[in-house]
Amino acid sequence: MEKIVEQGLLYDFYGPLLTEHQQEIYEACIYEDLSLAEAAERFEISRQGVHDLVKRCDKILKGYEEKLGLINRFNETNTGLEEIKCLIEKNKAADGSTRLTEKESNRVLEILNKIGE
């Protein structure tokens, strides 16, 4: 299951950088969960051709992430924002105001600075 999630995430970020042909076959195999034989029949290529294309696309997509790091950056940003949200919710008063300690305020600023880089 984890591999499918990783493939989907990589494709969501970098899929448009693949050729249209690669996108069609990759989507059929990953999102529609077609077997290699089913995809081969649909696209009128060999089962081995589908297998090779999917493996090549996986390698290409992972290479983009290694070079660009957009998914890693996205995850770090979401983690930081979730931490800020928790700090604010933890310190919310009954009247709706929020008072953060100096340490918490500094942590929020640290997270925002990292996101802004």
PDB file of N, CA and C in Angstrom:
ATOM      1  N   MET A   1       0.826  -1.202   0.000  1.00  0.00           N
ATOM      2  CA  MET A   1       0.000   0.000   0.000  1.00  0.00           C
ATOM      3  C   MET A   1       0.867   1.263   0.000  1.00  0.00           C
ATOM      4  N   GLU A   2       1.940   1.249   0.780  1.00  0.00           N
ATOM      5  CA  GLU A   2       2.786   2.430   0.892  1.00  0.00           C
ATOM      6  C   GLU A   2       3.393   2.821  -0.452  1.00  0.00           C
ATOM      7  N   LYS A   3       3.750   1.818  -1.264  1.00  0.00           N
ATOM      8  CA  LYS A   3       4.332   2.099  -2.573  1.00  0.00           C
ATOM      9  C   LYS A   3       3.318   2.816  -3.460  1.00  0.00           C
ATOM     10  N   ILE A   4       2.067   2.399  -3.389  1.00  0.00           N
ATOM     11  CA  ILE A   4       1.022   3.022  -4.203  1.00  0.00           C
ATOM     12  C   ILE A   4       0.823   4.480  -3.787  1.00  0.00           C
ATOM     13  N   VAL A   5       0.853   4.728  -2.494  1.00  0.00           N
ATOM     14  CA  VAL A   5       0.713   6.099  -1.993  1.00  0.00           C
ATOM     15  C   VAL A   5       1.885   6.950  -2.482  1.00  0.00           C
ATOM     16  N   GLU A   6       3.099   6.393  -2.393  1.00  0.00           N
ATOM     17  CA  GLU A   6       4.283   7.123  -2.852  1.00  0.00           C
ATOM     18  C   GLU A   6       4.187   7.406  -4.353  1.00  0.00           C
ATOM     19  N   GLN A   7       3.774   6.399  -5.126  1.00  0.00           N
ATOM     20  CA  GLN A   7       3.647   6.594  -6.569  1.00  0.00           C
ATOM     21  C   GLN A   7       2.612   7.675  -6.879  1.00  0.00           C
ATOM     22  N   GLY A   8       1.491   7.647  -6.159  1.00  0.00           N
ATOM     23  CA  GLY A   8       0.452   8.642  -6.378  1.00  0.00           C
ATOM     24  C   GLY A   8       0.919  10.049  -6.047  1.00  0.00           C
ATOM     25  N   LEU A   9       1.635  10.179  -4.950  1.00  0.00           N
ATOM     26  CA  LEU A   9       2.143  11.486  -4.539  1.00  0.00           C
ATOM     27  C   LEU A   9       3.175  12.010  -5.533  1.00  0.00           C
ATOM     28  N   LEU A  10       4.094  11.148  -5.937  1.00  0.00           N
ATOM     29  CA  LEU A  10       5.086  11.547  -6.939  1.00  0.00           C
ATOM     30  C   LEU A  10       4.401  11.971  -8.227  1.00  0.00           C
ATOM     31  N   TYR A  11       3.394  11.206  -8.635  1.00  0.00           N
ATOM     32  CA  TYR A  11       2.699  11.521  -9.879  1.00  0.00           C
ATOM     33  C   TYR A  11       1.914  12.829  -9.752  1.00  0.00           C
ATOM     34  N   ASP A  12       1.300  13.055  -8.595  1.00  0.00           N
ATOM     35  CA  ASP A  12       0.548  14.306  -8.389  1.00  0.00           C
ATOM     36  C   ASP A  12       1.453  15.524  -8.568  1.00  0.00           C
ATOM     37  N   PHE A  13       2.669  15.435  -8.059  1.00  0.00           N
ATOM     38  CA  PHE A  13       3.591  16.562  -8.147  1.00  0.00           C
ATOM     39  C   PHE A  13       4.284  16.669  -9.496  1.00  0.00           C
ATOM     40  N   TYR A  14       4.720  15.541 -10.031  1.00  0.00           N
ATOM     41  CA  TYR A  14       5.600  15.574 -11.202  1.00  0.00           C
ATOM     42  C   TYR A  14       5.017  14.931 -12.454  1.00  0.00           C
ATOM     43  N   GLY A  15       3.823  14.355 -12.374  1.00  0.00           N
ATOM     44  CA  GLY A  15       3.217  13.683 -13.519  1.00  0.00           C
ATOM     45  C   GLY A  15       3.136  14.531 -14.774  1.00  0.00           C
ATOM     46  N   PRO A  16       2.799  15.814 -14.668  1.00  0.00           N
ATOM     47  CA  PRO A  16       2.724  16.645 -15.880  1.00  0.00           C
ATOM     48  C   PRO A  16       4.045  16.769 -16.634  1.00  0.00           C
ATOM     49  N   LEU A  17       5.148  16.390 -16.000  1.00  0.00           N
ATOM     50  CA  LEU A  17       6.441  16.452 -16.665  1.00  0.00           C
ATOM     51  C   LEU A  17       6.704  15.214 -17.535  1.00  0.00           C
ATOM     52  N   LEU A  18       5.869  14.189 -17.397  1.00  0.00           N
ATOM     53  CA  LEU A  18       5.975  13.013 -18.250  1.00  0.00           C
ATOM     54  C   LEU A  18       5.306  13.292 -19.592  1.00  0.00           C
ATOM     55  N   THR A  19       5.637  12.486 -20.589  1.00  0.00           N
ATOM     56  CA  THR A  19       4.963  12.645 -21.882  1.00  0.00           C
ATOM     57  C   THR A  19       3.508  12.211 -21.738  1.00  0.00           C
ATOM     58  N   GLU A  20       2.683  12.613 -22.670  1.00  0.00           N
ATOM     59  CA  GLU A  20       1.268  12.241 -22.632  1.00  0.00           C
ATOM     60  C   GLU A  20       1.105  10.719 -22.651  1.00  0.00           C
ATOM     61  N   HIS A  21       1.891  10.050 -23.467  1.00  0.00           N
ATOM     62  CA  HIS A  21       1.837   8.583 -23.560  1.00  0.00           C
ATOM     63  C   HIS A  21       2.206   7.943 -22.219  1.00  0.00           C
ATOM     64  N   GLN A  22       3.268   8.439 -21.599  1.00  0.00           N
ATOM     65  CA  GLN A  22       3.675   7.930 -20.293  1.00  0.00           C
ATOM     66  C   GLN A  22       2.576   8.165 -19.261  1.00  0.00           C
ATOM     67  N   GLN A  23       1.976   9.345 -19.291  1.00  0.00           N
ATOM     68  CA  GLN A  23       0.914   9.674 -18.340  1.00  0.00           C
ATOM     69  C   GLN A  23      -0.267   8.715 -18.477  1.00  0.00           C
ATOM     70  N   GLU A  24      -0.676   8.457 -19.710  1.00  0.00           N
ATOM     71  CA  GLU A  24      -1.836   7.583 -19.950  1.00  0.00           C
ATOM     72  C   GLU A  24      -1.601   6.190 -19.385  1.00  0.00           C
ATOM     73  N   ILE A  25      -0.455   5.625 -19.676  1.00  0.00           N
ATOM     74  CA  ILE A  25      -0.176   4.266 -19.228  1.00  0.00           C
ATOM     75  C   ILE A  25       0.051   4.226 -17.720  1.00  0.00           C
ATOM     76  N   TYR A  26       0.772   5.182 -17.200  1.00  0.00           N
ATOM     77  CA  TYR A  26       1.041   5.228 -15.761  1.00  0.00           C
ATOM     78  C   TYR A  26      -0.269   5.370 -14.983  1.00  0.00           C
ATOM     79  N   GLU A  27      -1.128   6.261 -15.426  1.00  0.00           N
ATOM     80  CA  GLU A  27      -2.424   6.442 -14.758  1.00  0.00           C
ATOM     81  C   GLU A  27      -3.248   5.164 -14.797  1.00  0.00           C
ATOM     82  N   ALA A  28      -3.241   4.485 -15.947  1.00  0.00           N
ATOM     83  CA  ALA A  28      -4.012   3.243 -16.080  1.00  0.00           C
ATOM     84  C   ALA A  28      -3.509   2.188 -15.094  1.00  0.00           C
ATOM     85  N   CYS A  29      -2.217   2.080 -14.965  1.00  0.00           N
ATOM     86  CA  CYS A  29      -1.645   1.060 -14.076  1.00  0.00           C
ATOM     87  C   CYS A  29      -1.729   1.441 -12.605  1.00  0.00           C
ATOM     88  N   ILE A  30      -1.501   2.693 -12.284  1.00  0.00           N
ATOM     89  CA  ILE A  30      -1.448   3.111 -10.876  1.00  0.00           C
ATOM     90  C   ILE A  30      -2.821   3.513 -10.346  1.00  0.00           C
ATOM     91  N   TYR A  31      -3.529   4.383 -11.053  1.00  0.00           N
ATOM     92  CA  TYR A  31      -4.818   4.879 -10.560  1.00  0.00           C
ATOM     93  C   TYR A  31      -5.976   3.941 -10.873  1.00  0.00           C
ATOM     94  N   GLU A  32      -5.977   3.361 -12.062  1.00  0.00           N
ATOM     95  CA  GLU A  32      -7.062   2.441 -12.421  1.00  0.00           C
ATOM     96  C   GLU A  32      -6.752   1.015 -11.997  1.00  0.00           C
ATOM     97  N   ASP A  33      -5.521   0.782 -11.542  1.00  0.00           N
ATOM     98  CA  ASP A  33      -5.083  -0.521 -11.070  1.00  0.00           C
ATOM     99  C   ASP A  33      -5.229  -1.623 -12.134  1.00  0.00           C
ATOM    100  N   LEU A  34      -4.965  -1.255 -13.389  1.00  0.00           N
ATOM    101  CA  LEU A  34      -4.995  -2.259 -14.446  1.00  0.00           C
ATOM    102  C   LEU A  34      -3.773  -3.160 -14.310  1.00  0.00           C
ATOM    103  N   SER A  35      -3.939  -4.417 -14.636  1.00  0.00           N
ATOM    104  CA  SER A  35      -2.786  -5.316 -14.669  1.00  0.00           C
ATOM    105  C   SER A  35      -1.944  -4.954 -15.886  1.00  0.00           C
ATOM    106  N   LEU A  36      -0.722  -5.470 -15.901  1.00  0.00           N
ATOM    107  CA  LEU A  36       0.138  -5.224 -17.061  1.00  0.00           C
ATOM    108  C   LEU A  36      -0.511  -5.749 -18.330  1.00  0.00           C
ATOM    109  N   ALA A  37      -1.140  -6.913 -18.239  1.00  0.00           N
ATOM    110  CA  ALA A  37      -1.798  -7.507 -19.412  1.00  0.00           C
ATOM    111  C   ALA A  37      -2.971  -6.642 -19.881  1.00  0.00           C
ATOM    112  N   GLU A  38      -3.767  -6.129 -18.945  1.00  0.00           N
ATOM    113  CA  GLU A  38      -4.902  -5.280 -19.310  1.00  0.00           C
ATOM    114  C   GLU A  38      -4.431  -3.978 -19.956  1.00  0.00           C
ATOM    115  N   ALA A  39      -3.398  -3.376 -19.378  1.00  0.00           N
ATOM    116  CA  ALA A  39      -2.857  -2.137 -19.949  1.00  0.00           C
ATOM    117  C   ALA A  39      -2.248  -2.405 -21.318  1.00  0.00           C
ATOM    118  N   ALA A  40      -1.556  -3.526 -21.463  1.00  0.00           N
ATOM    119  CA  ALA A  40      -0.950  -3.881 -22.753  1.00  0.00           C
ATOM    120  C   ALA A  40      -2.021  -4.015 -23.823  1.00  0.00           C
ATOM    121  N   GLU A  41      -3.112  -4.641 -23.467  1.00  0.00           N
ATOM    122  CA  GLU A  41      -4.215  -4.803 -24.429  1.00  0.00           C
ATOM    123  C   GLU A  41      -4.833  -3.450 -24.779  1.00  0.00           C
ATOM    124  N   ARG A  42      -5.065  -2.617 -23.782  1.00  0.00           N
ATOM    125  CA  ARG A  42      -5.674  -1.311 -24.025  1.00  0.00           C
ATOM    126  C   ARG A  42      -4.810  -0.438 -24.924  1.00  0.00           C
ATOM    127  N   PHE A  43      -3.515  -0.438 -24.679  1.00  0.00           N
ATOM    128  CA  PHE A  43      -2.625   0.462 -25.411  1.00  0.00           C
ATOM    129  C   PHE A  43      -1.926  -0.211 -26.593  1.00  0.00           C
ATOM    130  N   GLU A  44      -2.279  -1.452 -26.796  1.00  0.00           N
ATOM    131  CA  GLU A  44      -1.755  -2.216 -27.934  1.00  0.00           C
ATOM    132  C   GLU A  44      -0.229  -2.242 -27.958  1.00  0.00           C
ATOM    133  N   ILE A  45       0.342  -2.541 -26.808  1.00  0.00           N
ATOM    134  CA  ILE A  45       1.783  -2.751 -26.695  1.00  0.00           C
ATOM    135  C   ILE A  45       1.985  -4.031 -25.892  1.00  0.00           C
ATOM    136  N   SER A  46       3.209  -4.474 -25.787  1.00  0.00           N
ATOM    137  CA  SER A  46       3.466  -5.717 -25.056  1.00  0.00           C
ATOM    138  C   SER A  46       3.360  -5.493 -23.544  1.00  0.00           C
ATOM    139  N   ARG A  47       3.131  -6.587 -22.855  1.00  0.00           N
ATOM    140  CA  ARG A  47       3.092  -6.554 -21.401  1.00  0.00           C
ATOM    141  C   ARG A  47       4.443  -6.065 -20.868  1.00  0.00           C
ATOM    142  N   GLN A  48       5.523  -6.526 -21.469  1.00  0.00           N
ATOM    143  CA  GLN A  48       6.872  -6.102 -21.082  1.00  0.00           C
ATOM    144  C   GLN A  48       7.066  -4.599 -21.321  1.00  0.00           C
ATOM    145  N   GLY A  49       6.471  -4.103 -22.411  1.00  0.00           N
ATOM    146  CA  GLY A  49       6.549  -2.676 -22.705  1.00  0.00           C
ATOM    147  C   GLY A  49       5.878  -1.839 -21.628  1.00  0.00           C
ATOM    148  N   VAL A  50       4.733  -2.314 -21.155  1.00  0.00           N
ATOM    149  CA  VAL A  50       4.022  -1.615 -20.073  1.00  0.00           C
ATOM    150  C   VAL A  50       4.868  -1.658 -18.806  1.00  0.00           C
ATOM    151  N   HIS A  51       5.377  -2.827 -18.485  1.00  0.00           N
ATOM    152  CA  HIS A  51       6.208  -2.988 -17.286  1.00  0.00           C
ATOM    153  C   HIS A  51       7.407  -2.041 -17.318  1.00  0.00           C
ATOM    154  N   ASP A  52       8.111  -2.024 -18.444  1.00  0.00           N
ATOM    155  CA  ASP A  52       9.290  -1.169 -18.582  1.00  0.00           C
ATOM    156  C   ASP A  52       8.927   0.309 -18.468  1.00  0.00           C
ATOM    157  N   LEU A  53       7.802   0.695 -19.078  1.00  0.00           N
ATOM    158  CA  LEU A  53       7.387   2.101 -19.043  1.00  0.00           C
ATOM    159  C   LEU A  53       7.052   2.524 -17.616  1.00  0.00           C
ATOM    160  N   VAL A  54       6.333   1.686 -16.879  1.00  0.00           N
ATOM    161  CA  VAL A  54       5.957   2.024 -15.502  1.00  0.00           C
ATOM    162  C   VAL A  54       7.214   2.139 -14.636  1.00  0.00           C
ATOM    163  N   LYS A  55       8.147   1.195 -14.792  1.00  0.00           N
ATOM    164  CA  LYS A  55       9.394   1.250 -14.023  1.00  0.00           C
ATOM    165  C   LYS A  55      10.200   2.502 -14.381  1.00  0.00           C
ATOM    166  N   ARG A  56      10.258   2.828 -15.673  1.00  0.00           N
ATOM    167  CA  ARG A  56      10.983   4.019 -16.122  1.00  0.00           C
ATOM    168  C   ARG A  56      10.337   5.284 -15.557  1.00  0.00           C
ATOM    169  N   CYS A  57       9.010   5.336 -15.571  1.00  0.00           N
ATOM    170  CA  CYS A  57       8.305   6.503 -15.013  1.00  0.00           C
ATOM    171  C   CYS A  57       8.566   6.631 -13.515  1.00  0.00           C
ATOM    172  N   ASP A  58       8.542   5.507 -12.798  1.00  0.00           N
ATOM    173  CA  ASP A  58       8.852   5.542 -11.365  1.00  0.00           C
ATOM    174  C   ASP A  58      10.231   6.151 -11.136  1.00  0.00           C
ATOM    175  N   LYS A  59      11.200   5.708 -11.926  1.00  0.00           N
ATOM    176  CA  LYS A  59      12.566   6.205 -11.792  1.00  0.00           C
ATOM    177  C   LYS A  59      12.642   7.700 -12.122  1.00  0.00           C
ATOM    178  N   ILE A  60      11.956   8.121 -13.173  1.00  0.00           N
ATOM    179  CA  ILE A  60      11.939   9.535 -13.574  1.00  0.00           C
ATOM    180  C   ILE A  60      11.330  10.393 -12.464  1.00  0.00           C
ATOM    181  N   LEU A  61      10.176   9.954 -11.941  1.00  0.00           N
ATOM    182  CA  LEU A  61       9.471  10.718 -10.916  1.00  0.00           C
ATOM    183  C   LEU A  61      10.303  10.819  -9.638  1.00  0.00           C
ATOM    184  N   LYS A  62      10.942   9.715  -9.241  1.00  0.00           N
ATOM    185  CA  LYS A  62      11.810   9.751  -8.058  1.00  0.00           C
ATOM    186  C   LYS A  62      13.006  10.672  -8.288  1.00  0.00           C
ATOM    187  N   GLY A  63      13.524  10.674  -9.511  1.00  0.00           N
ATOM    188  CA  GLY A  63      14.633  11.563  -9.845  1.00  0.00           C
ATOM    189  C   GLY A  63      14.250  13.027  -9.715  1.00  0.00           C
ATOM    190  N   TYR A  64      13.041  13.350 -10.153  1.00  0.00           N
ATOM    191  CA  TYR A  64      12.563  14.737 -10.003  1.00  0.00           C
ATOM    192  C   TYR A  64      12.501  15.114  -8.519  1.00  0.00           C
ATOM    193  N   GLU A  65      11.996  14.206  -7.683  1.00  0.00           N
ATOM    194  CA  GLU A  65      11.901  14.517  -6.257  1.00  0.00           C
ATOM    195  C   GLU A  65      13.289  14.674  -5.643  1.00  0.00           C
ATOM    196  N   GLU A  66      14.229  13.834  -6.048  1.00  0.00           N
ATOM    197  CA  GLU A  66      15.592  13.954  -5.526  1.00  0.00           C
ATOM    198  C   GLU A  66      16.202  15.305  -5.888  1.00  0.00           C
ATOM    199  N   LYS A  67      15.921  15.776  -7.085  1.00  0.00           N
ATOM    200  CA  LYS A  67      16.495  17.036  -7.541  1.00  0.00           C
ATOM    201  C   LYS A  67      15.742  18.254  -7.020  1.00  0.00           C
ATOM    202  N   LEU A  68      14.421  18.179  -7.023  1.00  0.00           N
ATOM    203  CA  LEU A  68      13.613  19.351  -6.683  1.00  0.00           C
ATOM    204  C   LEU A  68      13.104  19.364  -5.241  1.00  0.00           C
ATOM    205  N   GLY A  69      12.832  18.215  -4.674  1.00  0.00           N
ATOM    206  CA  GLY A  69      12.410  18.111  -3.282  1.00  0.00           C
ATOM    207  C   GLY A  69      11.083  18.765  -2.947  1.00  0.00           C
ATOM    208  N   LEU A  70      10.176  18.851  -3.917  1.00  0.00           N
ATOM    209  CA  LEU A  70       8.906  19.537  -3.667  1.00  0.00           C
ATOM    210  C   LEU A  70       8.022  18.794  -2.666  1.00  0.00           C
ATOM    211  N   ILE A  71       8.020  17.477  -2.726  1.00  0.00           N
ATOM    212  CA  ILE A  71       7.190  16.699  -1.794  1.00  0.00           C
ATOM    213  C   ILE A  71       7.731  16.843  -0.380  1.00  0.00           C
ATOM    214  N   ASN A  72       9.038  16.754  -0.237  1.00  0.00           N
ATOM    215  CA  ASN A  72       9.650  16.926   1.079  1.00  0.00           C
ATOM    216  C   ASN A  72       9.328  18.308   1.636  1.00  0.00           C
ATOM    217  N   ARG A  73       9.447  19.321   0.804  1.00  0.00           N
ATOM    218  CA  ARG A  73       9.151  20.697   1.218  1.00  0.00           C
ATOM    219  C   ARG A  73       7.675  20.841   1.608  1.00  0.00           C
ATOM    220  N   PHE A  74       6.798  20.234   0.816  1.00  0.00           N
ATOM    221  CA  PHE A  74       5.363  20.245   1.081  1.00  0.00           C
ATOM    222  C   PHE A  74       5.070  19.614   2.448  1.00  0.00           C
ATOM    223  N   ASN A  75       5.689  18.458   2.712  1.00  0.00           N
ATOM    224  CA  ASN A  75       5.469  17.768   3.987  1.00  0.00           C
ATOM    225  C   ASN A  75       6.006  18.581   5.165  1.00  0.00           C
ATOM    226  N   GLU A  76       7.176  19.183   5.012  1.00  0.00           N
ATOM    227  CA  GLU A  76       7.733  20.020   6.076  1.00  0.00           C
ATOM    228  C   GLU A  76       6.832  21.217   6.360  1.00  0.00           C
ATOM    229  N   THR A  77       6.319  21.823   5.306  1.00  0.00           N
ATOM    230  CA  THR A  77       5.427  22.973   5.469  1.00  0.00           C
ATOM    231  C   THR A  77       4.156  22.565   6.209  1.00  0.00           C
ATOM    232  N   ASN A  78       3.557  21.454   5.803  1.00  0.00           N
ATOM    233  CA  ASN A  78       2.339  20.989   6.472  1.00  0.00           C
ATOM    234  C   ASN A  78       2.582  20.652   7.935  1.00  0.00           C
ATOM    235  N   THR A  79       3.721  20.037   8.229  1.00  0.00           N
ATOM    236  CA  THR A  79       4.064  19.709   9.615  1.00  0.00           C
ATOM    237  C   THR A  79       4.223  20.989  10.437  1.00  0.00           C
ATOM    238  N   GLY A  80       4.901  21.974   9.886  1.00  0.00           N
ATOM    239  CA  GLY A  80       5.082  23.246  10.584  1.00  0.00           C
ATOM    240  C   GLY A  80       3.768  23.966  10.824  1.00  0.00           C
ATOM    241  N   LEU A  81       2.917  23.979   9.820  1.00  0.00           N
ATOM    242  CA  LEU A  81       1.613  24.634   9.973  1.00  0.00           C
ATOM    243  C   LEU A  81       0.751  23.917  11.007  1.00  0.00           C
ATOM    244  N   GLU A  82       0.830  22.609  11.038  1.00  0.00           N
ATOM    245  CA  GLU A  82       0.073  21.841  12.031  1.00  0.00           C
ATOM    246  C   GLU A  82       0.577  22.153  13.439  1.00  0.00           C
ATOM    247  N   GLU A  83       1.883  22.310  13.578  1.00  0.00           N
ATOM    248  CA  GLU A  83       2.448  22.664  14.884  1.00  0.00           C
ATOM    249  C   GLU A  83       1.977  24.050  15.324  1.00  0.00           C
ATOM    250  N   ILE A  84       1.957  25.001  14.407  1.00  0.00           N
ATOM    251  CA  ILE A  84       1.467  26.346  14.728  1.00  0.00           C
ATOM    252  C   ILE A  84       0.004  26.288  15.145  1.00  0.00           C
ATOM    253  N   LYS A  85      -0.782  25.531  14.401  1.00  0.00           N
ATOM    254  CA  LYS A  85      -2.211  25.384  14.717  1.00  0.00           C
ATOM    255  C   LYS A  85      -2.397  24.821  16.128  1.00  0.00           C
ATOM    256  N   CYS A  86      -1.617  23.804  16.480  1.00  0.00           N
ATOM    257  CA  CYS A  86      -1.722  23.210  17.820  1.00  0.00           C
ATOM    258  C   CYS A  86      -1.334  24.201  18.914  1.00  0.00           C
ATOM    259  N   LEU A  87      -0.279  24.976  18.670  1.00  0.00           N
ATOM    260  CA  LEU A  87       0.133  25.979  19.659  1.00  0.00           C
ATOM    261  C   LEU A  87      -0.966  27.018  19.879  1.00  0.00           C
ATOM    262  N   ILE A  88      -1.583  27.451  18.805  1.00  0.00           N
ATOM    263  CA  ILE A  88      -2.641  28.461  18.914  1.00  0.00           C
ATOM    264  C   ILE A  88      -3.859  27.884  19.622  1.00  0.00           C
ATOM    265  N   GLU A  89      -4.274  26.681  19.214  1.00  0.00           N
ATOM    266  CA  GLU A  89      -5.447  26.065  19.845  1.00  0.00           C
ATOM    267  C   GLU A  89      -5.221  25.795  21.334  1.00  0.00           C
ATOM    268  N   LYS A  90      -3.994  25.384  21.675  1.00  0.00           N
ATOM    269  CA  LYS A  90      -3.650  25.087  23.065  1.00  0.00           C
ATOM    270  C   LYS A  90      -3.748  26.335  23.946  1.00  0.00           C
ATOM    271  N   ASN A  91      -3.468  27.498  23.365  1.00  0.00           N
ATOM    272  CA  ASN A  91      -3.431  28.739  24.134  1.00  0.00           C
ATOM    273  C   ASN A  91      -4.635  29.641  23.916  1.00  0.00           C
ATOM    274  N   LYS A  92      -5.681  29.103  23.312  1.00  0.00           N
ATOM    275  CA  LYS A  92      -6.865  29.910  23.040  1.00  0.00           C
ATOM    276  C   LYS A  92      -7.670  30.111  24.330  1.00  0.00           C
ATOM    277  N   ALA A  93      -7.973  31.338  24.606  1.00  0.00           N
ATOM    278  CA  ALA A  93      -8.765  31.680  25.793  1.00  0.00           C
ATOM    279  C   ALA A  93     -10.255  31.575  25.473  1.00  0.00           C
ATOM    280  N   ALA A  94     -11.061  31.629  26.516  1.00  0.00           N
ATOM    281  CA  ALA A  94     -12.512  31.518  26.357  1.00  0.00           C
ATOM    282  C   ALA A  94     -13.078  32.640  25.498  1.00  0.00           C
ATOM    283  N   ASP A  95     -12.453  33.817  25.518  1.00  0.00           N
ATOM    284  CA  ASP A  95     -12.952  34.949  24.727  1.00  0.00           C
ATOM    285  C   ASP A  95     -12.460  34.907  23.271  1.00  0.00           C
ATOM    286  N   GLY A  96     -11.700  33.867  22.941  1.00  0.00           N
ATOM    287  CA  GLY A  96     -11.218  33.737  21.564  1.00  0.00           C
ATOM    288  C   GLY A  96      -9.834  34.301  21.333  1.00  0.00           C
ATOM    289  N   SER A  97      -9.309  35.011  22.312  1.00  0.00           N
ATOM    290  CA  SER A  97      -7.961  35.559  22.156  1.00  0.00           C
ATOM    291  C   SER A  97      -6.927  34.461  22.411  1.00  0.00           C
ATOM    292  N   THR A  98      -5.738  34.734  21.947  1.00  0.00           N
ATOM    293  CA  THR A  98      -4.663  33.753  22.110  1.00  0.00           C
ATOM    294  C   THR A  98      -3.443  34.429  22.718  1.00  0.00           C
ATOM    295  N   ARG A  99      -2.868  33.794  23.697  1.00  0.00           N
ATOM    296  CA  ARG A  99      -1.650  34.296  24.318  1.00  0.00           C
ATOM    297  C   ARG A  99      -0.604  33.193  24.263  1.00  0.00           C
ATOM    298  N   LEU A 100       0.437  33.428  23.508  1.00  0.00           N
ATOM    299  CA  LEU A 100       1.530  32.472  23.424  1.00  0.00           C
ATOM    300  C   LEU A 100       2.650  32.912  24.353  1.00  0.00           C
ATOM    301  N   THR A 101       3.340  31.953  24.915  1.00  0.00           N
ATOM    302  CA  THR A 101       4.521  32.292  25.712  1.00  0.00           C
ATOM    303  C   THR A 101       5.594  32.799  24.752  1.00  0.00           C
ATOM    304  N   GLU A 102       6.634  33.382  25.315  1.00  0.00           N
ATOM    305  CA  GLU A 102       7.729  33.871  24.472  1.00  0.00           C
ATOM    306  C   GLU A 102       8.361  32.704  23.697  1.00  0.00           C
ATOM    307  N   LYS A 103       8.513  31.571  24.362  1.00  0.00           N
ATOM    308  CA  LYS A 103       9.082  30.387  23.722  1.00  0.00           C
ATOM    309  C   LYS A 103       8.201  29.928  22.556  1.00  0.00           C
ATOM    310  N   GLU A 104       6.892  29.908  22.793  1.00  0.00           N
ATOM    311  CA  GLU A 104       5.958  29.486  21.736  1.00  0.00           C
ATOM    312  C   GLU A 104       5.950  30.477  20.575  1.00  0.00           C
ATOM    313  N   SER A 105       5.971  31.754  20.899  1.00  0.00           N
ATOM    314  CA  SER A 105       6.021  32.784  19.858  1.00  0.00           C
ATOM    315  C   SER A 105       7.282  32.652  19.014  1.00  0.00           C
ATOM    316  N   ASN A 106       8.400  32.407  19.684  1.00  0.00           N
ATOM    317  CA  ASN A 106       9.658  32.220  18.962  1.00  0.00           C
ATOM    318  C   ASN A 106       9.593  30.987  18.061  1.00  0.00           C
ATOM    319  N   ARG A 107       8.948  29.934  18.555  1.00  0.00           N
ATOM    320  CA  ARG A 107       8.805  28.714  17.741  1.00  0.00           C
ATOM    321  C   ARG A 107       7.953  28.988  16.509  1.00  0.00           C
ATOM    322  N   VAL A 108       6.870  29.727  16.665  1.00  0.00           N
ATOM    323  CA  VAL A 108       6.013  30.086  15.524  1.00  0.00           C
ATOM    324  C   VAL A 108       6.823  30.882  14.504  1.00  0.00           C
ATOM    325  N   LEU A 109       7.580  31.846  14.966  1.00  0.00           N
ATOM    326  CA  LEU A 109       8.407  32.648  14.062  1.00  0.00           C
ATOM    327  C   LEU A 109       9.460  31.793  13.359  1.00  0.00           C
ATOM    328  N   GLU A 110      10.046  30.862  14.096  1.00  0.00           N
ATOM    329  CA  GLU A 110      11.046  29.961  13.518  1.00  0.00           C
ATOM    330  C   GLU A 110      10.427  29.121  12.389  1.00  0.00           C
ATOM    331  N   ILE A 111       9.245  28.592  12.636  1.00  0.00           N
ATOM    332  CA  ILE A 111       8.551  27.784  11.620  1.00  0.00           C
ATOM    333  C   ILE A 111       8.212  28.633  10.400  1.00  0.00           C
ATOM    334  N   LEU A 112       7.671  29.814  10.638  1.00  0.00           N
ATOM    335  CA  LEU A 112       7.298  30.701   9.513  1.00  0.00           C
ATOM    336  C   LEU A 112       8.507  31.122   8.706  1.00  0.00           C
ATOM    337  N   ASN A 113       9.618  31.381   9.375  1.00  0.00           N
ATOM    338  CA  ASN A 113      10.850  31.731   8.652  1.00  0.00           C
ATOM    339  C   ASN A 113      11.327  30.567   7.785  1.00  0.00           C
ATOM    340  N   LYS A 114      11.240  29.363   8.332  1.00  0.00           N
ATOM    341  CA  LYS A 114      11.650  28.182   7.557  1.00  0.00           C
ATOM    342  C   LYS A 114      10.745  27.990   6.350  1.00  0.00           C
ATOM    343  N   ILE A 115       9.459  28.181   6.520  1.00  0.00           N
ATOM    344  CA  ILE A 115       8.508  28.051   5.409  1.00  0.00           C
ATOM    345  C   ILE A 115       8.793  29.116   4.363  1.00  0.00           C
ATOM    346  N   GLY A 116       9.152  30.311   4.800  1.00  0.00           N
ATOM    347  CA  GLY A 116       9.408  31.429   3.883  1.00  0.00           C
ATOM    348  C   GLY A 116      10.702  31.323   3.107  1.00  0.00           C
ATOM    349  N   GLU A 117      11.576  30.420   3.495  1.00  0.00           N
ATOM    350  CA  GLU A 117      12.866  30.294   2.803  1.00  0.00           C
ATOM    351  C   GLU A 117      12.702  29.771   1.390  1.00  0.00           C
TER     352      GLU A 117
END
